[in-house]
Amino acid sequence: MIPELTIPLIGAVNGAAVTGGLELALACDFLVASDRAAFADTHARVGVMPGWGLTVALPEAVGLRRAREMSATGNFINAPTALAWGLVNHVVRHDELLGFSRRLAADVATTDPDALRSILATYREAAMVSGQEARQVEARAHRSFHAGGIDAGLVASRRNAVIERGRRVSHRGV
């Protein structure tokens, strides 16, 4: 449905994400919902079978029992419930949705692009397997990523920047 991307896809949901809209939202790497957002799987209510990954992605997000309930009832859940269930990462005031989402994107843009691409690819691959095999996926990715060695000076410099960023954030209360 959505091509495999090498950067995170941030979904900003400002209203109802229903049936195919819910599947589109689930295809995002993370989701920000406005306080007006609502979510429902109405495939069974309208008599169609999901085909864009809902039966895999919804249980991954909210757990199997909640996914079954959402699919079986077609009932809507509001944004606070979606946050509590793990369907969305953040709920913000409706008028702050795009600004908040853009700030997340700006945060993503400050990370090392090669490391981020490798991490996201590892998440995707590890999600297709379970347990020990997923750990092996990460171990292979780690070996491959660091095959040329680690620039200790660069890592130390970036670590210091992370520490300073953490200090600024903790003082803002975010």
N, C-alpha and C. Protein backbone atom coordinates (compact mmCIF):
# COMPACT_ATOMS: atom_id res chain seq x y z
N MET A 1 0.83 -1.19 0.00
CA MET A 1 0.00 0.00 0.00
C MET A 1 0.87 1.26 0.00
N ILE A 2 1.80 1.33 0.93
CA ILE A 2 2.76 2.45 0.98
C ILE A 2 4.13 1.85 0.72
N PRO A 3 4.88 2.41 -0.20
CA PRO A 3 6.19 1.83 -0.48
C PRO A 3 7.08 1.87 0.75
N GLU A 4 8.01 0.92 0.83
CA GLU A 4 8.94 0.90 1.95
C GLU A 4 9.82 2.14 1.87
N LEU A 5 9.81 2.91 2.95
CA LEU A 5 10.56 4.15 3.00
C LEU A 5 11.82 3.97 3.84
N THR A 6 12.79 4.84 3.63
CA THR A 6 14.02 4.78 4.42
C THR A 6 14.02 5.83 5.52
N ILE A 7 12.95 6.59 5.62
CA ILE A 7 12.77 7.55 6.71
C ILE A 7 11.42 7.26 7.35
N PRO A 8 11.23 7.66 8.60
CA PRO A 8 9.94 7.39 9.25
C PRO A 8 8.79 8.13 8.58
N LEU A 9 7.68 7.47 8.52
CA LEU A 9 6.45 8.08 8.03
C LEU A 9 5.62 8.44 9.26
N ILE A 10 5.42 9.74 9.46
CA ILE A 10 4.67 10.23 10.61
C ILE A 10 3.25 10.52 10.16
N GLY A 11 2.29 9.87 10.78
CA GLY A 11 0.89 10.11 10.47
C GLY A 11 0.31 11.12 11.42
N ALA A 12 -0.43 12.09 10.89
CA ALA A 12 -1.13 13.09 11.71
C ALA A 12 -2.62 12.90 11.43
N VAL A 13 -3.35 12.42 12.42
CA VAL A 13 -4.77 12.09 12.25
C VAL A 13 -5.61 13.19 12.88
N ASN A 14 -6.39 13.88 12.03
CA ASN A 14 -7.15 15.02 12.54
C ASN A 14 -8.65 14.76 12.65
N GLY A 15 -9.09 13.57 12.29
CA GLY A 15 -10.51 13.26 12.33
C GLY A 15 -10.68 11.76 12.45
N ALA A 16 -11.61 11.22 11.68
CA ALA A 16 -11.89 9.80 11.75
C ALA A 16 -10.95 9.01 10.83
N ALA A 17 -10.33 7.98 11.40
CA ALA A 17 -9.53 7.03 10.62
C ALA A 17 -10.28 5.71 10.69
N VAL A 18 -11.02 5.41 9.63
CA VAL A 18 -11.96 4.30 9.63
C VAL A 18 -11.66 3.38 8.45
N THR A 19 -11.71 2.09 8.70
CA THR A 19 -11.55 1.05 7.70
C THR A 19 -10.24 1.27 6.93
N GLY A 20 -10.29 1.67 5.67
CA GLY A 20 -9.07 1.90 4.90
C GLY A 20 -8.23 3.02 5.48
N GLY A 21 -8.88 4.03 6.05
CA GLY A 21 -8.15 5.12 6.70
C GLY A 21 -7.37 4.62 7.91
N LEU A 22 -7.95 3.67 8.63
CA LEU A 22 -7.24 3.06 9.76
C LEU A 22 -6.05 2.26 9.23
N GLU A 23 -6.23 1.56 8.13
CA GLU A 23 -5.11 0.81 7.55
C GLU A 23 -3.99 1.75 7.10
N LEU A 24 -4.35 2.89 6.53
CA LEU A 24 -3.32 3.87 6.16
C LEU A 24 -2.58 4.37 7.40
N ALA A 25 -3.32 4.67 8.46
CA ALA A 25 -2.70 5.13 9.70
C ALA A 25 -1.75 4.06 10.25
N LEU A 26 -2.17 2.81 10.21
CA LEU A 26 -1.35 1.72 10.74
C LEU A 26 -0.07 1.52 9.92
N ALA A 27 -0.06 1.99 8.68
CA ALA A 27 1.13 1.85 7.85
C ALA A 27 2.21 2.87 8.23
N CYS A 28 1.86 3.84 9.08
CA CYS A 28 2.83 4.86 9.50
C CYS A 28 3.74 4.31 10.59
N ASP A 29 4.93 4.87 10.68
CA ASP A 29 5.87 4.46 11.72
C ASP A 29 5.43 4.93 13.09
N PHE A 30 4.90 6.13 13.15
CA PHE A 30 4.25 6.57 14.37
C PHE A 30 3.17 7.57 14.04
N LEU A 31 2.26 7.71 15.02
CA LEU A 31 1.05 8.48 14.79
C LEU A 31 0.86 9.55 15.85
N VAL A 32 0.43 10.72 15.39
CA VAL A 32 0.00 11.80 16.27
C VAL A 32 -1.48 12.01 15.97
N ALA A 33 -2.28 12.06 17.01
CA ALA A 33 -3.72 12.25 16.83
C ALA A 33 -4.14 13.57 17.46
N SER A 34 -5.03 14.25 16.79
CA SER A 34 -5.63 15.42 17.43
C SER A 34 -6.65 14.91 18.45
N ASP A 35 -7.02 15.79 19.36
CA ASP A 35 -8.01 15.39 20.36
C ASP A 35 -9.38 15.14 19.74
N ARG A 36 -9.53 15.43 18.46
CA ARG A 36 -10.79 15.15 17.74
C ARG A 36 -10.74 13.84 16.96
N ALA A 37 -9.61 13.15 16.96
CA ALA A 37 -9.47 11.94 16.16
C ALA A 37 -10.28 10.78 16.76
N ALA A 38 -10.67 9.89 15.89
CA ALA A 38 -11.36 8.66 16.30
C ALA A 38 -10.93 7.56 15.33
N PHE A 39 -11.00 6.33 15.81
CA PHE A 39 -10.49 5.19 15.04
C PHE A 39 -11.50 4.06 15.11
N ALA A 40 -11.68 3.37 13.97
CA ALA A 40 -12.58 2.21 13.95
C ALA A 40 -12.22 1.29 12.79
N ASP A 41 -12.36 0.00 13.06
CA ASP A 41 -12.25 -0.99 11.97
C ASP A 41 -13.66 -1.44 11.64
N THR A 42 -14.17 -0.99 10.53
CA THR A 42 -15.54 -1.32 10.13
C THR A 42 -15.60 -2.28 8.95
N HIS A 43 -14.50 -2.98 8.68
CA HIS A 43 -14.51 -3.93 7.57
C HIS A 43 -15.67 -4.92 7.68
N ALA A 44 -15.85 -5.52 8.85
CA ALA A 44 -16.93 -6.50 9.01
C ALA A 44 -18.30 -5.84 8.90
N ARG A 45 -18.43 -4.63 9.36
CA ARG A 45 -19.72 -3.93 9.27
C ARG A 45 -20.11 -3.67 7.82
N VAL A 46 -19.11 -3.37 6.97
CA VAL A 46 -19.44 -3.09 5.57
C VAL A 46 -19.31 -4.32 4.69
N GLY A 47 -18.82 -5.43 5.27
CA GLY A 47 -18.78 -6.69 4.54
C GLY A 47 -17.59 -6.86 3.61
N VAL A 48 -16.42 -6.33 4.01
CA VAL A 48 -15.22 -6.51 3.20
C VAL A 48 -14.09 -7.04 4.07
N MET A 49 -13.12 -7.66 3.41
CA MET A 49 -11.95 -8.20 4.09
C MET A 49 -10.79 -7.23 3.97
N PRO A 50 -10.10 -6.92 5.06
CA PRO A 50 -8.93 -6.03 4.96
C PRO A 50 -7.90 -6.63 4.01
N GLY A 51 -7.21 -5.77 3.30
CA GLY A 51 -6.20 -6.25 2.36
C GLY A 51 -4.90 -5.45 2.40
N TRP A 52 -4.82 -4.49 3.30
CA TRP A 52 -3.62 -3.64 3.38
C TRP A 52 -2.85 -3.86 4.67
N GLY A 53 -3.04 -5.00 5.30
CA GLY A 53 -2.22 -5.34 6.47
C GLY A 53 -2.87 -5.12 7.83
N LEU A 54 -4.14 -4.76 7.88
CA LEU A 54 -4.78 -4.46 9.16
C LEU A 54 -4.72 -5.63 10.13
N THR A 55 -4.94 -6.85 9.66
CA THR A 55 -4.99 -7.99 10.58
C THR A 55 -3.63 -8.33 11.18
N VAL A 56 -2.59 -7.74 10.66
CA VAL A 56 -1.25 -7.88 11.25
C VAL A 56 -0.92 -6.64 12.07
N ALA A 57 -1.11 -5.46 11.48
CA ALA A 57 -0.68 -4.21 12.12
C ALA A 57 -1.54 -3.82 13.32
N LEU A 58 -2.85 -4.05 13.27
CA LEU A 58 -3.70 -3.66 14.39
C LEU A 58 -3.36 -4.46 15.66
N PRO A 59 -3.24 -5.79 15.59
CA PRO A 59 -2.83 -6.51 16.80
C PRO A 59 -1.43 -6.12 17.29
N GLU A 60 -0.53 -5.80 16.37
CA GLU A 60 0.80 -5.34 16.79
C GLU A 60 0.68 -4.05 17.59
N ALA A 61 -0.26 -3.20 17.21
CA ALA A 61 -0.40 -1.89 17.87
C ALA A 61 -1.16 -1.98 19.19
N VAL A 62 -2.27 -2.70 19.21
CA VAL A 62 -3.16 -2.66 20.38
C VAL A 62 -3.28 -3.98 21.11
N GLY A 63 -2.68 -5.03 20.58
CA GLY A 63 -2.84 -6.35 21.17
C GLY A 63 -3.96 -7.11 20.47
N LEU A 64 -3.86 -8.42 20.50
CA LEU A 64 -4.79 -9.27 19.75
C LEU A 64 -6.24 -9.14 20.24
N ARG A 65 -6.47 -9.15 21.54
CA ARG A 65 -7.85 -9.09 22.04
C ARG A 65 -8.53 -7.76 21.68
N ARG A 66 -7.81 -6.66 21.82
CA ARG A 66 -8.41 -5.37 21.47
C ARG A 66 -8.64 -5.27 19.97
N ALA A 67 -7.70 -5.80 19.17
CA ALA A 67 -7.88 -5.79 17.72
C ALA A 67 -9.12 -6.59 17.34
N ARG A 68 -9.27 -7.76 17.95
CA ARG A 68 -10.46 -8.58 17.67
C ARG A 68 -11.73 -7.81 18.02
N GLU A 69 -11.72 -7.14 19.17
CA GLU A 69 -12.90 -6.37 19.57
C GLU A 69 -13.19 -5.25 18.58
N MET A 70 -12.15 -4.52 18.18
CA MET A 70 -12.36 -3.44 17.23
C MET A 70 -12.93 -3.95 15.91
N SER A 71 -12.41 -5.08 15.43
CA SER A 71 -12.88 -5.64 14.16
C SER A 71 -14.27 -6.25 14.29
N ALA A 72 -14.53 -6.90 15.40
CA ALA A 72 -15.82 -7.58 15.58
C ALA A 72 -16.97 -6.61 15.82
N THR A 73 -16.70 -5.50 16.50
CA THR A 73 -17.78 -4.57 16.82
C THR A 73 -17.89 -3.41 15.84
N GLY A 74 -16.77 -3.01 15.26
CA GLY A 74 -16.77 -1.80 14.42
C GLY A 74 -16.94 -0.54 15.24
N ASN A 75 -16.83 -0.65 16.57
CA ASN A 75 -17.00 0.52 17.44
C ASN A 75 -15.81 1.47 17.29
N PHE A 76 -16.10 2.74 17.48
CA PHE A 76 -15.08 3.77 17.44
C PHE A 76 -14.38 3.88 18.79
N ILE A 77 -13.09 4.18 18.75
CA ILE A 77 -12.38 4.56 19.97
C ILE A 77 -11.89 5.99 19.78
N ASN A 78 -11.91 6.75 20.86
CA ASN A 78 -11.47 8.14 20.78
C ASN A 78 -9.96 8.23 20.92
N ALA A 79 -9.44 9.43 20.75
CA ALA A 79 -7.98 9.62 20.78
C ALA A 79 -7.35 9.23 22.11
N PRO A 80 -7.92 9.61 23.27
CA PRO A 80 -7.30 9.18 24.53
C PRO A 80 -7.25 7.66 24.68
N THR A 81 -8.28 6.97 24.22
CA THR A 81 -8.27 5.51 24.28
C THR A 81 -7.22 4.95 23.32
N ALA A 82 -7.12 5.54 22.14
CA ALA A 82 -6.10 5.11 21.17
C ALA A 82 -4.71 5.26 21.76
N LEU A 83 -4.49 6.32 22.52
CA LEU A 83 -3.20 6.53 23.17
C LEU A 83 -2.99 5.48 24.27
N ALA A 84 -3.99 5.26 25.09
CA ALA A 84 -3.86 4.28 26.17
C ALA A 84 -3.64 2.87 25.63
N TRP A 85 -4.22 2.56 24.49
CA TRP A 85 -4.09 1.22 23.90
C TRP A 85 -2.82 1.06 23.08
N GLY A 86 -2.10 2.15 22.82
CA GLY A 86 -0.87 2.05 22.04
C GLY A 86 -1.05 2.21 20.55
N LEU A 87 -2.22 2.62 20.13
CA LEU A 87 -2.47 2.81 18.69
C LEU A 87 -1.78 4.07 18.18
N VAL A 88 -1.74 5.12 19.00
CA VAL A 88 -1.08 6.36 18.63
C VAL A 88 0.02 6.67 19.65
N ASN A 89 0.98 7.48 19.22
CA ASN A 89 2.09 7.88 20.09
C ASN A 89 1.77 9.10 20.92
N HIS A 90 0.98 10.01 20.36
CA HIS A 90 0.69 11.28 21.03
C HIS A 90 -0.73 11.71 20.69
N VAL A 91 -1.36 12.41 21.64
CA VAL A 91 -2.61 13.12 21.39
C VAL A 91 -2.37 14.57 21.74
N VAL A 92 -2.68 15.45 20.82
CA VAL A 92 -2.47 16.88 21.01
C VAL A 92 -3.75 17.63 20.67
N ARG A 93 -3.81 18.89 21.13
CA ARG A 93 -4.96 19.71 20.75
C ARG A 93 -5.03 19.81 19.24
N HIS A 94 -6.25 19.87 18.73
CA HIS A 94 -6.48 19.86 17.28
C HIS A 94 -5.65 20.94 16.57
N ASP A 95 -5.60 22.14 17.13
CA ASP A 95 -4.87 23.22 16.46
C ASP A 95 -3.36 23.08 16.58
N GLU A 96 -2.87 22.12 17.35
CA GLU A 96 -1.42 21.90 17.49
C GLU A 96 -0.93 20.69 16.69
N LEU A 97 -1.84 19.98 16.02
CA LEU A 97 -1.50 18.72 15.37
C LEU A 97 -0.35 18.85 14.37
N LEU A 98 -0.46 19.73 13.41
CA LEU A 98 0.58 19.82 12.38
C LEU A 98 1.88 20.38 12.93
N GLY A 99 1.81 21.36 13.80
CA GLY A 99 3.02 21.91 14.40
C GLY A 99 3.77 20.86 15.21
N PHE A 100 3.05 20.11 16.01
CA PHE A 100 3.67 19.05 16.81
C PHE A 100 4.28 17.99 15.89
N SER A 101 3.55 17.59 14.87
CA SER A 101 4.05 16.58 13.93
C SER A 101 5.28 17.07 13.20
N ARG A 102 5.30 18.33 12.84
CA ARG A 102 6.48 18.90 12.17
C ARG A 102 7.68 18.94 13.11
N ARG A 103 7.45 19.22 14.39
CA ARG A 103 8.55 19.20 15.36
C ARG A 103 9.12 17.79 15.51
N LEU A 104 8.26 16.79 15.49
CA LEU A 104 8.75 15.40 15.51
C LEU A 104 9.62 15.12 14.28
N ALA A 105 9.13 15.56 13.14
CA ALA A 105 9.90 15.37 11.89
C ALA A 105 11.24 16.09 11.98
N ALA A 106 11.25 17.27 12.56
CA ALA A 106 12.51 18.01 12.72
C ALA A 106 13.46 17.26 13.64
N ASP A 107 12.92 16.65 14.70
CA ASP A 107 13.76 15.83 15.59
C ASP A 107 14.36 14.65 14.83
N VAL A 108 13.54 14.01 14.01
CA VAL A 108 14.03 12.88 13.21
C VAL A 108 15.16 13.34 12.30
N ALA A 109 15.00 14.52 11.73
CA ALA A 109 16.00 15.04 10.78
C ALA A 109 17.35 15.29 11.43
N THR A 110 17.42 15.35 12.75
CA THR A 110 18.70 15.59 13.43
C THR A 110 19.44 14.30 13.77
N THR A 111 18.88 13.17 13.44
CA THR A 111 19.56 11.90 13.72
C THR A 111 20.49 11.53 12.57
N ASP A 112 21.37 10.58 12.81
CA ASP A 112 22.27 10.10 11.76
C ASP A 112 21.44 9.31 10.75
N PRO A 113 21.39 9.73 9.49
CA PRO A 113 20.50 9.08 8.53
C PRO A 113 20.86 7.62 8.25
N ASP A 114 22.13 7.29 8.22
CA ASP A 114 22.51 5.90 7.97
C ASP A 114 22.10 5.00 9.12
N ALA A 115 22.34 5.46 10.34
CA ALA A 115 21.94 4.67 11.51
C ALA A 115 20.42 4.53 11.55
N LEU A 116 19.70 5.61 11.28
CA LEU A 116 18.24 5.55 11.31
C LEU A 116 17.70 4.57 10.26
N ARG A 117 18.23 4.64 9.05
CA ARG A 117 17.79 3.71 8.00
C ARG A 117 18.02 2.26 8.44
N SER A 118 19.18 1.99 9.02
CA SER A 118 19.50 0.64 9.46
C SER A 118 18.58 0.19 10.59
N ILE A 119 18.31 1.08 11.53
CA ILE A 119 17.43 0.75 12.64
C ILE A 119 16.02 0.46 12.14
N LEU A 120 15.50 1.31 11.26
CA LEU A 120 14.15 1.10 10.74
C LEU A 120 14.05 -0.20 9.94
N ALA A 121 15.07 -0.49 9.15
CA ALA A 121 15.08 -1.75 8.40
C ALA A 121 15.11 -2.94 9.35
N THR A 122 15.85 -2.80 10.45
CA THR A 122 15.92 -3.88 11.43
C THR A 122 14.56 -4.08 12.10
N TYR A 123 13.88 -2.99 12.46
CA TYR A 123 12.53 -3.11 13.02
C TYR A 123 11.62 -3.87 12.04
N ARG A 124 11.66 -3.48 10.77
CA ARG A 124 10.79 -4.14 9.78
C ARG A 124 11.10 -5.63 9.68
N GLU A 125 12.38 -5.96 9.58
CA GLU A 125 12.76 -7.37 9.44
C GLU A 125 12.44 -8.16 10.71
N ALA A 126 12.74 -7.60 11.86
CA ALA A 126 12.51 -8.30 13.12
C ALA A 126 11.02 -8.49 13.39
N ALA A 127 10.18 -7.60 12.86
CA ALA A 127 8.74 -7.74 13.07
C ALA A 127 8.17 -8.96 12.35
N MET A 128 8.91 -9.49 11.37
CA MET A 128 8.43 -10.63 10.60
C MET A 128 8.78 -11.97 11.25
N VAL A 129 9.57 -11.92 12.31
CA VAL A 129 9.97 -13.14 13.01
C VAL A 129 9.71 -12.94 14.50
N SER A 130 10.07 -13.92 15.30
CA SER A 130 9.81 -13.76 16.72
C SER A 130 11.01 -14.19 17.55
N GLY A 131 10.99 -13.76 18.80
CA GLY A 131 11.93 -14.22 19.80
C GLY A 131 13.39 -14.15 19.42
N GLN A 132 14.03 -15.30 19.57
CA GLN A 132 15.47 -15.39 19.35
C GLN A 132 15.86 -15.01 17.92
N GLU A 133 15.02 -15.35 16.96
CA GLU A 133 15.33 -15.00 15.56
C GLU A 133 15.36 -13.48 15.37
N ALA A 134 14.48 -12.76 16.06
CA ALA A 134 14.49 -11.30 15.98
C ALA A 134 15.79 -10.74 16.57
N ARG A 135 16.27 -11.36 17.63
CA ARG A 135 17.54 -10.93 18.22
C ARG A 135 18.69 -11.18 17.24
N GLN A 136 18.61 -12.26 16.49
CA GLN A 136 19.63 -12.56 15.50
C GLN A 136 19.59 -11.55 14.35
N VAL A 137 18.40 -11.12 13.99
CA VAL A 137 18.26 -10.07 12.96
C VAL A 137 19.02 -8.83 13.40
N GLU A 138 18.81 -8.43 14.66
CA GLU A 138 19.51 -7.25 15.16
C GLU A 138 21.02 -7.48 15.22
N ALA A 139 21.43 -8.64 15.66
CA ALA A 139 22.87 -8.93 15.74
C ALA A 139 23.53 -8.85 14.35
N ARG A 140 22.84 -9.38 13.33
CA ARG A 140 23.37 -9.30 11.96
C ARG A 140 23.44 -7.85 11.49
N ALA A 141 22.41 -7.09 11.78
CA ALA A 141 22.39 -5.68 11.37
C ALA A 141 23.50 -4.91 12.08
N HIS A 142 23.72 -5.21 13.34
CA HIS A 142 24.78 -4.55 14.11
C HIS A 142 26.15 -4.83 13.49
N ARG A 143 26.40 -6.11 13.22
CA ARG A 143 27.70 -6.48 12.62
C ARG A 143 27.89 -5.80 11.27
N SER A 144 26.85 -5.80 10.46
CA SER A 144 26.94 -5.21 9.13
C SER A 144 27.17 -3.70 9.22
N PHE A 145 26.42 -3.03 10.08
CA PHE A 145 26.52 -1.57 10.20
C PHE A 145 27.90 -1.15 10.68
N HIS A 146 28.47 -1.92 11.60
CA HIS A 146 29.75 -1.56 12.20
C HIS A 146 30.94 -2.30 11.58
N ALA A 147 30.73 -2.91 10.42
CA ALA A 147 31.81 -3.69 9.79
C ALA A 147 33.04 -2.85 9.52
N GLY A 148 32.86 -1.60 9.24
CA GLY A 148 34.00 -0.73 8.95
C GLY A 148 34.60 -0.08 10.18
N GLY A 149 34.07 -0.43 11.35
CA GLY A 149 34.57 0.15 12.59
C GLY A 149 33.72 1.31 13.05
N ILE A 150 34.06 1.81 14.23
CA ILE A 150 33.33 2.91 14.84
C ILE A 150 34.30 4.07 15.03
N ASP A 151 33.91 5.24 14.62
CA ASP A 151 34.71 6.44 14.84
C ASP A 151 34.42 6.92 16.27
N ALA A 152 35.29 6.56 17.20
CA ALA A 152 35.07 6.85 18.62
C ALA A 152 34.92 8.34 18.88
N GLY A 153 35.68 9.16 18.18
CA GLY A 153 35.60 10.60 18.37
C GLY A 153 34.25 11.15 17.95
N LEU A 154 33.74 10.67 16.81
CA LEU A 154 32.44 11.11 16.33
C LEU A 154 31.34 10.66 17.29
N VAL A 155 31.41 9.43 17.75
CA VAL A 155 30.41 8.92 18.70
C VAL A 155 30.45 9.74 19.99
N ALA A 156 31.63 10.04 20.49
CA ALA A 156 31.76 10.84 21.71
C ALA A 156 31.16 12.23 21.52
N SER A 157 31.42 12.85 20.39
CA SER A 157 30.87 14.17 20.09
C SER A 157 29.35 14.13 20.05
N ARG A 158 28.81 13.12 19.38
CA ARG A 158 27.35 12.99 19.29
C ARG A 158 26.76 12.68 20.66
N ARG A 159 27.44 11.86 21.46
CA ARG A 159 26.96 11.54 22.81
C ARG A 159 26.86 12.82 23.64
N ASN A 160 27.87 13.69 23.55
CA ASN A 160 27.83 14.96 24.28
C ASN A 160 26.66 15.83 23.82
N ALA A 161 26.38 15.84 22.53
CA ALA A 161 25.24 16.59 22.02
C ALA A 161 23.93 16.02 22.55
N VAL A 162 23.85 14.71 22.67
CA VAL A 162 22.65 14.06 23.22
C VAL A 162 22.47 14.46 24.69
N ILE A 163 23.56 14.47 25.44
CA ILE A 163 23.50 14.85 26.86
C ILE A 163 23.00 16.29 26.99
N GLU A 164 23.53 17.18 26.20
CA GLU A 164 23.10 18.59 26.24
C GLU A 164 21.63 18.72 25.84
N ARG A 165 21.23 18.00 24.83
CA ARG A 165 19.82 18.03 24.40
C ARG A 165 18.93 17.53 25.52
N GLY A 166 19.34 16.47 26.19
CA GLY A 166 18.57 15.94 27.32
C GLY A 166 18.43 16.94 28.44
N ARG A 167 19.48 17.68 28.70
CA ARG A 167 19.42 18.72 29.74
C ARG A 167 18.43 19.81 29.37
N ARG A 168 18.44 20.22 28.09
CA ARG A 168 17.50 21.26 27.65
C ARG A 168 16.07 20.76 27.75
N VAL A 169 15.83 19.54 27.32
CA VAL A 169 14.47 18.98 27.35
C VAL A 169 13.98 18.83 28.78
N SER A 170 14.83 18.31 29.68
CA SER A 170 14.40 18.08 31.04
C SER A 170 14.06 19.39 31.74
N HIS A 171 14.69 20.49 31.35
CA HIS A 171 14.38 21.78 31.93
C HIS A 171 13.07 22.37 31.40
N ARG A 172 12.66 21.93 30.21
CA ARG A 172 11.40 22.39 29.64
C ARG A 172 10.23 21.58 30.16
N GLY A 173 10.51 20.41 30.75
CA GLY A 173 9.43 19.57 31.25
C GLY A 173 8.72 18.77 30.19
N VAL A 174 9.34 18.59 29.03
CA VAL A 174 8.72 17.83 27.94
C VAL A 174 8.97 16.36 28.13
